[in-house]
Amino acid sequence: MRRYITLALTQLCRSKPDVIKTAYADVIKLLIEAARHDTSSEELSKLLRCTALTKAHIDKFCQFHANYKEQLQENLETIGNGLPHIIDVDWRIDYCIKSSINDSAGIPNYNISLSTMKHGNIQSVQFMCTIQELQELVLKLKDAARHIEKLTNP
């Protein structure tokens, strides 16, 4: 179907297919971002006046946006645009005395279980790491928390 759209647009626009694909992708991105940020038709019209589009094209685009904005927002809600939230952490230490799989005898392994929530669904993410990997994870989390604190408290 994409090929059909590209061929039809190529015949209509009489331009190179790669230029048409790029323009098509940019129009779709603009529609999605406008729906994601709940942009009104008036705000979108003001934004598009800075471009080389004619008033008729801007009005047509804004009308299209107004007609499909709610449907796009509903689709974005089902897809989601955020990462899951960590709601709980469980951990335990396993001390492997000897293993037939690898030579990591005598090294403690940490089993981490993160409970996450996205769109009301709770899922569990589990992984195993060494003490060095766990320390690196904790340092990265602390660094991210410091960075967020700097952004929120100027």
C-alpha atoms as a PDB file:
ATOM      1  CA  MET A   1       0.000   0.000   0.000  1.00  0.00           C
ATOM      2  CA  ARG A   2       2.865   2.391   0.741  1.00  0.00           C
ATOM      3  CA  ARG A   3       4.217   1.832  -2.726  1.00  0.00           C
ATOM      4  CA  TYR A   4       0.790   2.645  -4.167  1.00  0.00           C
ATOM      5  CA  ILE A   5       0.658   5.880  -2.136  1.00  0.00           C
ATOM      6  CA  THR A   6       4.142   6.826  -3.298  1.00  0.00           C
ATOM      7  CA  LEU A   7       3.284   6.116  -6.928  1.00  0.00           C
ATOM      8  CA  ALA A   8       0.051   8.095  -6.679  1.00  0.00           C
ATOM      9  CA  LEU A   9       1.829  11.005  -5.000  1.00  0.00           C
ATOM     10  CA  THR A  10       4.609  10.890  -7.590  1.00  0.00           C
ATOM     11  CA  GLN A  11       2.056  11.157 -10.372  1.00  0.00           C
ATOM     12  CA  LEU A  12       0.247  13.990  -8.613  1.00  0.00           C
ATOM     13  CA  CYS A  13       3.299  15.982  -7.561  1.00  0.00           C
ATOM     14  CA  ARG A  14       5.648  15.142 -10.429  1.00  0.00           C
ATOM     15  CA  SER A  15       8.608  15.029  -8.100  1.00  0.00           C
ATOM     16  CA  LYS A  16      11.237  12.515  -7.050  1.00  0.00           C
ATOM     17  CA  PRO A  17       9.942   9.647  -4.867  1.00  0.00           C
ATOM     18  CA  ASP A  18      12.486  10.264  -2.099  1.00  0.00           C
ATOM     19  CA  VAL A  19      11.427  13.919  -1.808  1.00  0.00           C
ATOM     20  CA  ILE A  20       7.778  12.881  -1.666  1.00  0.00           C
ATOM     21  CA  LYS A  21       8.466  10.232   0.994  1.00  0.00           C
ATOM     22  CA  THR A  22      10.316  12.763   3.133  1.00  0.00           C
ATOM     23  CA  ALA A  23       7.551  15.342   2.772  1.00  0.00           C
ATOM     24  CA  TYR A  24       4.892  12.724   3.540  1.00  0.00           C
ATOM     25  CA  ALA A  25       6.766  11.590   6.666  1.00  0.00           C
ATOM     26  CA  ASP A  26       7.154  15.191   7.827  1.00  0.00           C
ATOM     27  CA  VAL A  27       3.444  15.900   7.378  1.00  0.00           C
ATOM     28  CA  ILE A  28       2.579  12.782   9.376  1.00  0.00           C
ATOM     29  CA  LYS A  29       5.050  13.781  12.114  1.00  0.00           C
ATOM     30  CA  LEU A  30       3.502  17.249  12.284  1.00  0.00           C
ATOM     31  CA  LEU A  31       0.000  15.791  12.627  1.00  0.00           C
ATOM     32  CA  ILE A  32       1.097  13.350  15.332  1.00  0.00           C
ATOM     33  CA  GLU A  33       2.998  15.956  17.347  1.00  0.00           C
ATOM     34  CA  ALA A  34       0.098  18.414  17.072  1.00  0.00           C
ATOM     35  CA  ALA A  35      -2.269  15.728  18.377  1.00  0.00           C
ATOM     36  CA  ARG A  36       0.169  14.667  21.108  1.00  0.00           C
ATOM     37  CA  HIS A  37       0.471  18.250  22.403  1.00  0.00           C
ATOM     38  CA  ASP A  38      -3.268  18.910  21.958  1.00  0.00           C
ATOM     39  CA  THR A  39      -2.573  21.811  19.609  1.00  0.00           C
ATOM     40  CA  SER A  40      -5.635  23.722  18.490  1.00  0.00           C
ATOM     41  CA  SER A  41      -6.276  24.530  14.837  1.00  0.00           C
ATOM     42  CA  GLU A  42      -5.615  28.213  15.547  1.00  0.00           C
ATOM     43  CA  GLU A  43      -2.222  27.470  17.111  1.00  0.00           C
ATOM     44  CA  LEU A  44      -1.328  25.179  14.232  1.00  0.00           C
ATOM     45  CA  SER A  45      -2.391  27.833  11.739  1.00  0.00           C
ATOM     46  CA  LYS A  46      -0.141  30.414  13.444  1.00  0.00           C
ATOM     47  CA  LEU A  47       2.751  27.970  13.300  1.00  0.00           C
ATOM     48  CA  LEU A  48       2.224  27.186   9.614  1.00  0.00           C
ATOM     49  CA  ARG A  49       2.047  30.872   8.626  1.00  0.00           C
ATOM     50  CA  CYS A  50       5.829  30.977   9.087  1.00  0.00           C
ATOM     51  CA  THR A  51       6.196  28.520   6.205  1.00  0.00           C
ATOM     52  CA  ALA A  52       5.893  28.997   2.468  1.00  0.00           C
ATOM     53  CA  LEU A  53       2.401  27.462   2.421  1.00  0.00           C
ATOM     54  CA  THR A  54      -0.503  29.439   1.048  1.00  0.00           C
ATOM     55  CA  LYS A  55      -3.457  30.365   3.258  1.00  0.00           C
ATOM     56  CA  ALA A  56      -5.659  27.889   1.374  1.00  0.00           C
ATOM     57  CA  HIS A  57      -3.218  25.034   2.042  1.00  0.00           C
ATOM     58  CA  ILE A  58      -2.894  26.030   5.702  1.00  0.00           C
ATOM     59  CA  ASP A  59      -6.678  26.125   6.108  1.00  0.00           C
ATOM     60  CA  LYS A  60      -7.044  22.723   4.439  1.00  0.00           C
ATOM     61  CA  PHE A  61      -4.307  21.227   6.632  1.00  0.00           C
ATOM     62  CA  CYS A  62      -5.852  22.693   9.797  1.00  0.00           C
ATOM     63  CA  GLN A  63      -9.269  21.361   8.795  1.00  0.00           C
ATOM     64  CA  PHE A  64      -7.751  17.896   8.282  1.00  0.00           C
ATOM     65  CA  HIS A  65      -6.054  18.192  11.674  1.00  0.00           C
ATOM     66  CA  ALA A  66      -9.325  19.186  13.354  1.00  0.00           C
ATOM     67  CA  ASN A  67     -11.195  16.283  11.738  1.00  0.00           C
ATOM     68  CA  TYR A  68      -8.705  13.596  12.801  1.00  0.00           C
ATOM     69  CA  LYS A  69      -7.193  15.047  15.994  1.00  0.00           C
ATOM     70  CA  GLU A  70      -9.371  13.056  18.412  1.00  0.00           C
ATOM     71  CA  GLN A  71      -8.843   9.814  16.508  1.00  0.00           C
ATOM     72  CA  LEU A  72      -5.071  10.370  16.526  1.00  0.00           C
ATOM     73  CA  GLN A  73      -5.125  11.114  20.252  1.00  0.00           C
ATOM     74  CA  GLU A  74      -7.065   7.915  20.940  1.00  0.00           C
ATOM     75  CA  ASN A  75      -4.553   5.912  18.912  1.00  0.00           C
ATOM     76  CA  LEU A  76      -1.649   7.580  20.711  1.00  0.00           C
ATOM     77  CA  GLU A  77      -3.189   6.669  24.070  1.00  0.00           C
ATOM     78  CA  THR A  78      -3.396   2.995  23.115  1.00  0.00           C
ATOM     79  CA  ILE A  79       0.154   2.968  21.804  1.00  0.00           C
ATOM     80  CA  GLY A  80       1.538   5.117  24.576  1.00  0.00           C
ATOM     81  CA  ASN A  81       4.480   7.417  24.317  1.00  0.00           C
ATOM     82  CA  GLY A  82       6.075   6.926  27.698  1.00  0.00           C
ATOM     83  CA  LEU A  83       8.133   4.362  29.477  1.00  0.00           C
ATOM     84  CA  PRO A  84       6.674   2.191  32.227  1.00  0.00           C
ATOM     85  CA  HIS A  85       6.917   3.484  35.801  1.00  0.00           C
ATOM     86  CA  ILE A  86       8.813   1.411  38.355  1.00  0.00           C
ATOM     87  CA  ILE A  87       6.462   0.801  41.277  1.00  0.00           C
ATOM     88  CA  ASP A  88       8.370  -1.819  43.280  1.00  0.00           C
ATOM     89  CA  VAL A  89      11.796  -3.438  43.492  1.00  0.00           C
ATOM     90  CA  ASP A  90      12.631  -6.863  44.939  1.00  0.00           C
ATOM     91  CA  TRP A  91      16.096  -8.354  45.121  1.00  0.00           C
ATOM     92  CA  ARG A  92      17.990 -11.307  46.483  1.00  0.00           C
ATOM     93  CA  ILE A  93      21.581 -12.487  46.536  1.00  0.00           C
ATOM     94  CA  ASP A  94      22.463 -15.897  45.123  1.00  0.00           C
ATOM     95  CA  TYR A  95      25.875 -17.192  46.023  1.00  0.00           C
ATOM     96  CA  CYS A  96      27.072 -19.734  43.459  1.00  0.00           C
ATOM     97  CA  ILE A  97      29.570 -22.185  44.924  1.00  0.00           C
ATOM     98  CA  LYS A  98      30.321 -23.936  41.640  1.00  0.00           C
ATOM     99  CA  SER A  99      28.766 -23.899  38.199  1.00  0.00           C
ATOM    100  CA  SER A 100      29.058 -26.282  35.280  1.00  0.00           C
ATOM    101  CA  ILE A 101      28.100 -23.479  32.892  1.00  0.00           C
ATOM    102  CA  ASN A 102      30.836 -20.969  33.636  1.00  0.00           C
ATOM    103  CA  ASP A 103      33.791 -20.410  35.917  1.00  0.00           C
ATOM    104  CA  SER A 104      32.099 -17.905  38.206  1.00  0.00           C
ATOM    105  CA  ALA A 105      32.408 -19.988  41.350  1.00  0.00           C
ATOM    106  CA  GLY A 106      32.304 -18.045  44.589  1.00  0.00           C
ATOM    107  CA  ILE A 107      30.839 -14.860  43.093  1.00  0.00           C
ATOM    108  CA  PRO A 108      27.556 -13.469  44.445  1.00  0.00           C
ATOM    109  CA  ASN A 109      24.875 -12.701  41.866  1.00  0.00           C
ATOM    110  CA  TYR A 110      22.062 -10.266  42.491  1.00  0.00           C
ATOM    111  CA  ASN A 111      18.610 -11.169  41.184  1.00  0.00           C
ATOM    112  CA  ILE A 112      16.623  -7.974  40.671  1.00  0.00           C
ATOM    113  CA  SER A 113      12.885  -7.895  39.990  1.00  0.00           C
ATOM    114  CA  LEU A 114      11.299  -4.585  38.975  1.00  0.00           C
ATOM    115  CA  SER A 115       7.521  -4.252  39.023  1.00  0.00           C
ATOM    116  CA  THR A 116       6.483  -1.756  36.362  1.00  0.00           C
ATOM    117  CA  MET A 117       3.177  -0.173  35.446  1.00  0.00           C
ATOM    118  CA  LYS A 118       2.108   1.142  32.061  1.00  0.00           C
ATOM    119  CA  HIS A 119      -1.503   1.934  31.166  1.00  0.00           C
ATOM    120  CA  GLY A 120      -2.664   0.227  34.372  1.00  0.00           C
ATOM    121  CA  ASN A 121      -0.951  -3.061  33.486  1.00  0.00           C
ATOM    122  CA  ILE A 122       1.621  -4.352  35.950  1.00  0.00           C
ATOM    123  CA  GLN A 123       4.535  -6.315  34.549  1.00  0.00           C
ATOM    124  CA  SER A 124       7.686  -7.733  36.040  1.00  0.00           C
ATOM    125  CA  VAL A 125      11.166  -7.203  34.639  1.00  0.00           C
ATOM    126  CA  GLN A 126      13.784  -9.569  36.024  1.00  0.00           C
ATOM    127  CA  PHE A 127      17.528  -9.636  35.541  1.00  0.00           C
ATOM    128  CA  MET A 128      20.680 -10.909  37.205  1.00  0.00           C
ATOM    129  CA  CYS A 129      23.844  -8.882  37.697  1.00  0.00           C
ATOM    130  CA  THR A 130      27.173  -8.922  39.493  1.00  0.00           C
ATOM    131  CA  ILE A 131      28.148  -6.492  42.237  1.00  0.00           C
ATOM    132  CA  GLN A 132      30.041  -4.327  39.721  1.00  0.00           C
ATOM    133  CA  GLU A 133      27.061  -4.175  37.360  1.00  0.00           C
ATOM    134  CA  LEU A 134      24.736  -3.342  40.254  1.00  0.00           C
ATOM    135  CA  GLN A 135      27.047  -0.550  41.434  1.00  0.00           C
ATOM    136  CA  GLU A 136      27.160   0.853  37.897  1.00  0.00           C
ATOM    137  CA  LEU A 137      23.346   0.751  37.691  1.00  0.00           C
ATOM    138  CA  VAL A 138      23.000   2.556  41.034  1.00  0.00           C
ATOM    139  CA  LEU A 139      25.501   5.242  39.966  1.00  0.00           C
ATOM    140  CA  LYS A 140      23.641   5.816  36.693  1.00  0.00           C
ATOM    141  CA  LEU A 141      20.319   6.080  38.532  1.00  0.00           C
ATOM    142  CA  LYS A 142      21.797   8.596  40.990  1.00  0.00           C
ATOM    143  CA  ASP A 143      23.250  10.582  38.080  1.00  0.00           C
ATOM    144  CA  ALA A 144      19.870  10.619  36.325  1.00  0.00           C
ATOM    145  CA  ALA A 145      18.148  11.743  39.547  1.00  0.00           C
ATOM    146  CA  ARG A 146      20.672  14.592  39.983  1.00  0.00           C
ATOM    147  CA  HIS A 147      20.179  15.660  36.377  1.00  0.00           C
ATOM    148  CA  ILE A 148      16.385  15.701  36.739  1.00  0.00           C
ATOM    149  CA  GLU A 149      16.672  17.655  39.989  1.00  0.00           C
ATOM    150  CA  LYS A 150      18.825  20.280  38.238  1.00  0.00           C
ATOM    151  CA  LEU A 151      16.258  20.585  35.454  1.00  0.00           C
ATOM    152  CA  THR A 152      13.315  20.980  37.821  1.00  0.00           C
ATOM    153  CA  ASN A 153      15.045  23.307  40.315  1.00  0.00           C
ATOM    154  CA  PRO A 154      16.994  25.938  38.352  1.00  0.00           C
END
